[in-house]
């Protein structure tokens, strides 16, 4: 590919990624418009793939290996920030998940918090999981998939990003402790912001998904696959 064609392709890919991100943000801000899960996944694909192509094209224009690694590093950092942004929206603001049922500034915060604790909190392991498994039998597979598969997948990307961006997270013990603290913090914040339920099963599913993916990435064949796209650590 000529340098001119490469430059045009980079600009087009960057434009697509920016427009996709902007559209996703607009859909989250506008109360009269929201994207469903499929729509957000499509936006994510429209952001990640063009950005990845642009990063590869830019990296291949450089003959300096260190410069290439810096470009890949920037790509993964942007991707991590995009993931955090989307995850935060889904966990705390997404109307499609009833995250806007209560206004914490309406003067009834304590009352609503007590109701949330009494009727929506679950501290019994596997209670919600069993309920969702039973939902498959009464043709509520969408609800079950969102609660089970969604919770399993939601925190999986941390298993990739944290060990790559923070070297201390390459140690399983530190990663697992950090993930447990992150997930517990999210659950507690959801309770106190009235944006979700405090559910031990959410913790179990989130932790299981992140942990399994973490150890899958430890498999030698997976490590070899990631070698061409090494990431410089943020710390260390």
Protein backbone atom coordinates (compact mmCIF):
# COMPACT_ATOMS: atom_id res chain seq x y z
CA UNK A 1 0.00 0.00 0.00
CA UNK A 2 1.39 3.40 -0.98
CA UNK A 3 1.97 6.08 1.61
CA UNK A 4 -0.88 8.19 0.19
CA UNK A 5 -3.38 5.32 0.27
CA UNK A 6 -2.23 4.44 3.76
CA UNK A 7 -2.79 8.02 4.95
CA UNK A 8 -6.28 8.10 3.43
CA UNK A 9 -7.17 4.75 5.00
CA UNK A 10 -5.91 5.93 8.40
CA UNK A 11 -8.02 9.09 8.22
CA UNK A 12 -11.14 7.18 7.14
CA UNK A 13 -10.73 4.58 9.91
CA UNK A 14 -10.11 7.28 12.51
CA UNK A 15 -13.20 9.18 11.35
CA UNK A 16 -15.38 6.06 11.57
CA UNK A 17 -14.08 5.33 15.08
CA UNK A 18 -14.70 8.90 16.26
CA UNK A 19 -18.22 9.01 14.77
CA UNK A 20 -19.07 5.65 16.33
CA UNK A 21 -17.86 6.78 19.75
CA UNK A 22 -19.71 10.10 19.43
CA UNK A 23 -22.94 8.36 18.42
CA UNK A 24 -22.65 5.97 21.36
CA UNK A 25 -22.12 8.89 23.76
CA UNK A 26 -25.04 10.81 22.27
CA UNK A 27 -27.32 7.81 22.67
CA UNK A 28 -26.32 7.62 26.32
CA UNK A 29 -26.87 11.32 27.01
CA UNK A 30 -30.14 11.87 25.15
CA UNK A 31 -33.00 10.72 27.44
CA UNK A 32 -35.28 10.25 24.43
CA UNK A 33 -32.96 7.83 22.70
CA UNK A 34 -31.20 4.69 23.83
CA UNK A 35 -29.35 1.81 22.22
CA UNK A 36 -30.14 -1.79 23.07
CA UNK A 37 -27.37 -4.30 23.70
CA UNK A 38 -27.03 -5.22 20.02
CA UNK A 39 -26.79 -1.56 19.08
CA UNK A 40 -24.04 -0.92 21.62
CA UNK A 41 -22.15 -4.00 20.45
CA UNK A 42 -22.35 -2.76 16.86
CA UNK A 43 -21.06 0.66 17.96
CA UNK A 44 -18.22 -1.04 19.83
CA UNK A 45 -17.28 -3.06 16.74
CA UNK A 46 -17.48 0.08 14.58
CA UNK A 47 -15.09 1.77 17.03
CA UNK A 48 -12.61 -1.01 17.75
CA UNK A 49 -12.02 -2.43 14.26
CA UNK A 50 -11.34 0.89 12.44
CA UNK A 51 -9.19 2.09 15.34
CA UNK A 52 -7.24 -1.17 15.27
CA UNK A 53 -6.73 -0.95 11.50
CA UNK A 54 -5.55 2.65 11.81
CA UNK A 55 -3.12 1.69 14.58
CA UNK A 56 -1.67 -1.18 12.54
CA UNK A 57 -1.25 1.02 9.46
CA UNK A 58 0.45 3.74 11.50
CA UNK A 59 2.71 1.20 13.22
CA UNK A 60 3.76 -0.41 9.92
CA UNK A 61 4.88 2.96 8.59
CA UNK A 62 7.58 3.02 11.26
CA UNK A 63 10.77 0.94 11.05
CA UNK A 64 11.51 1.50 14.74
CA UNK A 65 10.24 -1.40 16.87
CA UNK A 66 10.03 0.78 19.98
CA UNK A 67 7.94 3.31 18.08
CA UNK A 68 5.63 0.54 16.92
CA UNK A 69 5.16 -0.68 20.46
CA UNK A 70 4.31 2.87 21.58
CA UNK A 71 1.61 3.03 18.90
CA UNK A 72 0.13 -0.29 19.99
CA UNK A 73 0.35 0.90 23.59
CA UNK A 74 -1.71 4.00 22.76
CA UNK A 75 -4.27 1.84 20.94
CA UNK A 76 -4.76 -0.50 23.91
CA UNK A 77 -4.97 2.37 26.39
CA UNK A 78 -7.66 4.06 24.27
CA UNK A 79 -9.47 0.74 23.99
CA UNK A 80 -9.31 0.25 27.77
CA UNK A 81 -10.70 3.73 28.43
CA UNK A 82 -13.49 3.11 25.91
CA UNK A 83 -14.33 -0.16 27.66
CA UNK A 84 -14.41 1.55 31.08
CA UNK A 85 -16.68 4.27 29.67
CA UNK A 86 -19.11 1.76 28.17
CA UNK A 87 -19.06 -0.46 31.25
CA UNK A 88 -19.72 2.50 33.52
CA UNK A 89 -22.68 3.55 31.39
CA UNK A 90 -24.16 0.04 31.38
CA UNK A 91 -23.72 -0.37 35.14
CA UNK A 92 -24.98 3.01 36.32
CA UNK A 93 -26.89 4.91 33.63
CA UNK A 94 -28.37 2.56 31.01
CA UNK A 95 -32.14 3.07 30.89
CA UNK A 96 -32.51 -0.27 29.08
CA UNK A 97 -31.39 -1.91 32.33
CA UNK A 98 -33.71 0.24 34.47
CA UNK A 99 -30.78 2.25 35.84
CA UNK A 100 -32.95 5.38 36.06
CA UNK A 101 -35.76 4.10 38.26
CA UNK A 102 -34.98 6.50 41.12
CA UNK A 103 -33.67 10.02 41.47
CA UNK A 104 -31.25 10.17 44.39
CA UNK A 105 -31.88 13.92 44.72
CA UNK A 106 -35.68 13.80 44.99
CA UNK A 107 -35.74 14.05 48.80
CA UNK A 108 -36.68 10.40 49.32
CA UNK A 109 -33.19 8.95 49.05
CA UNK A 110 -33.08 7.25 52.47
CA UNK A 111 -36.53 5.75 51.99
CA UNK A 112 -35.68 4.47 48.51
CA UNK A 113 -32.35 3.12 49.75
CA UNK A 114 -34.12 1.17 52.49
CA UNK A 115 -36.56 -0.25 49.94
CA UNK A 116 -33.66 -1.18 47.68
CA UNK A 117 -31.91 -2.96 50.54
CA UNK A 118 -35.02 -4.78 51.74
CA UNK A 119 -36.49 -5.94 48.44
CA UNK A 120 -33.64 -6.02 45.93
CA UNK A 121 -30.56 -7.09 47.88
CA UNK A 122 -29.53 -10.73 47.67
CA UNK A 123 -26.81 -12.12 49.93
CA UNK A 124 -27.70 -15.79 49.39
CA UNK A 125 -25.26 -17.43 46.95
CA UNK A 126 -26.79 -18.92 43.78
CA UNK A 127 -30.32 -17.72 44.58
CA UNK A 128 -30.49 -15.36 41.60
CA UNK A 129 -28.55 -17.78 39.40
CA UNK A 130 -31.11 -20.53 40.06
CA UNK A 131 -33.91 -18.05 39.41
CA UNK A 132 -32.39 -17.13 36.05
CA UNK A 133 -31.85 -20.78 35.12
CA UNK A 134 -35.53 -21.40 35.81
CA UNK A 135 -36.37 -18.43 33.58
CA UNK A 136 -35.26 -20.47 30.58
CA UNK A 137 -38.16 -22.84 31.25
CA UNK A 138 -40.78 -20.08 31.06
CA UNK A 139 -39.52 -18.48 27.85
CA UNK A 140 -37.64 -15.63 29.48
CA UNK A 141 -34.34 -16.53 27.86
CA UNK A 142 -33.46 -12.88 27.08
CA UNK A 143 -33.68 -11.90 30.74
CA UNK A 144 -31.69 -14.97 31.75
CA UNK A 145 -29.02 -14.37 29.10
CA UNK A 146 -28.55 -10.74 30.15
CA UNK A 147 -28.23 -11.69 33.81
CA UNK A 148 -26.11 -14.81 33.42
CA UNK A 149 -24.04 -14.40 30.26
CA UNK A 150 -23.92 -10.63 30.62
CA UNK A 151 -22.52 -10.81 34.13
CA UNK A 152 -20.02 -13.47 33.11
CA UNK A 153 -18.72 -11.38 30.21
CA UNK A 154 -18.93 -7.87 31.70
CA UNK A 155 -15.61 -7.90 33.56
CA UNK A 156 -13.69 -10.31 31.30
CA UNK A 157 -11.73 -7.53 29.53
CA UNK A 158 -10.08 -6.64 32.86
CA UNK A 159 -8.29 -10.00 32.62
CA UNK A 160 -6.55 -8.74 29.50
CA UNK A 161 -6.02 -5.07 30.25
CA UNK A 162 -4.92 -5.06 33.90
CA UNK A 163 -1.98 -7.52 33.57
CA UNK A 164 -0.82 -5.78 30.39
CA UNK A 165 -1.04 -2.22 31.64
CA UNK A 166 0.00 -2.86 35.24
CA UNK A 167 2.83 -5.42 35.67
CA UNK A 168 1.93 -6.29 39.28
CA UNK A 169 -1.38 -7.67 38.00
CA UNK A 170 0.47 -10.45 36.21
CA UNK A 171 0.57 -12.22 39.56
CA UNK A 172 -2.70 -14.19 39.98
CA UNK A 173 -3.09 -13.32 43.66
CA UNK A 174 -2.89 -9.56 43.09
CA UNK A 175 -5.16 -9.74 40.06
CA UNK A 176 -7.83 -11.75 41.88
CA UNK A 177 -7.75 -9.48 44.93
CA UNK A 178 -7.96 -6.38 42.74
CA UNK A 179 -10.86 -7.80 40.73
CA UNK A 180 -12.72 -8.73 43.91
CA UNK A 181 -12.31 -5.17 45.23
CA UNK A 182 -13.40 -3.64 41.91
CA UNK A 183 -16.53 -5.81 41.67
CA UNK A 184 -17.48 -5.28 45.32
CA UNK A 185 -17.04 -1.52 44.87
CA UNK A 186 -19.33 -1.59 41.82
CA UNK A 187 -21.99 -3.56 43.70
CA UNK A 188 -21.90 -1.17 46.66
CA UNK A 189 -22.00 1.89 44.38
CA UNK A 190 -24.98 0.47 42.52
CA UNK A 191 -26.81 0.07 45.82
CA UNK A 192 -26.07 3.57 47.12
CA UNK A 193 -26.77 5.25 43.77
CA UNK A 194 -29.99 3.22 43.40
CA UNK A 195 -28.81 2.18 39.96
CA UNK A 196 -28.76 -1.56 40.59
CA UNK A 197 -29.04 -4.33 43.12
CA UNK A 198 -26.47 -5.58 45.59
CA UNK A 199 -26.37 -9.26 44.62
CA UNK A 200 -23.80 -11.84 45.70
CA UNK A 201 -24.54 -13.76 42.50
CA UNK A 202 -23.44 -10.78 40.42
CA UNK A 203 -20.12 -10.96 42.25
CA UNK A 204 -19.86 -14.71 41.66
CA UNK A 205 -20.57 -14.39 37.94
CA UNK A 206 -18.38 -11.30 37.41
CA UNK A 207 -15.50 -12.89 39.29
CA UNK A 208 -15.87 -16.22 37.52
CA UNK A 209 -15.82 -14.61 34.08
CA UNK A 210 -12.79 -12.42 34.80
CA UNK A 211 -10.85 -15.22 36.54
CA UNK A 212 -11.50 -17.82 33.83
CA UNK A 213 -10.45 -15.43 31.07
CA UNK A 214 -7.35 -14.44 33.07
CA UNK A 215 -6.16 -18.04 33.30
CA UNK A 216 -7.08 -18.74 29.66
CA UNK A 217 -4.75 -15.90 28.67
CA UNK A 218 -2.02 -17.57 30.74
CA UNK A 219 -2.07 -20.58 28.40
CA UNK A 220 1.18 -20.57 26.34
CA UNK A 221 -0.59 -20.57 22.96
CA UNK A 222 -2.56 -17.46 23.96
CA UNK A 223 0.62 -15.74 25.11
CA UNK A 224 2.27 -16.47 21.76
CA UNK A 225 -0.71 -15.04 19.89
CA UNK A 226 -0.38 -11.75 21.78
CA UNK A 227 3.38 -11.35 21.26
CA UNK A 228 3.08 -9.27 18.06
CA UNK A 229 1.02 -6.74 20.02
CA UNK A 230 3.04 -6.29 23.18
CA UNK A 231 1.95 -3.46 25.42
CA UNK A 232 4.27 -1.24 27.36
CA UNK A 233 3.32 -1.06 31.00
CA UNK A 234 1.83 2.12 32.40
CA UNK A 235 3.58 1.47 35.69
CA UNK A 236 6.86 -0.34 36.13
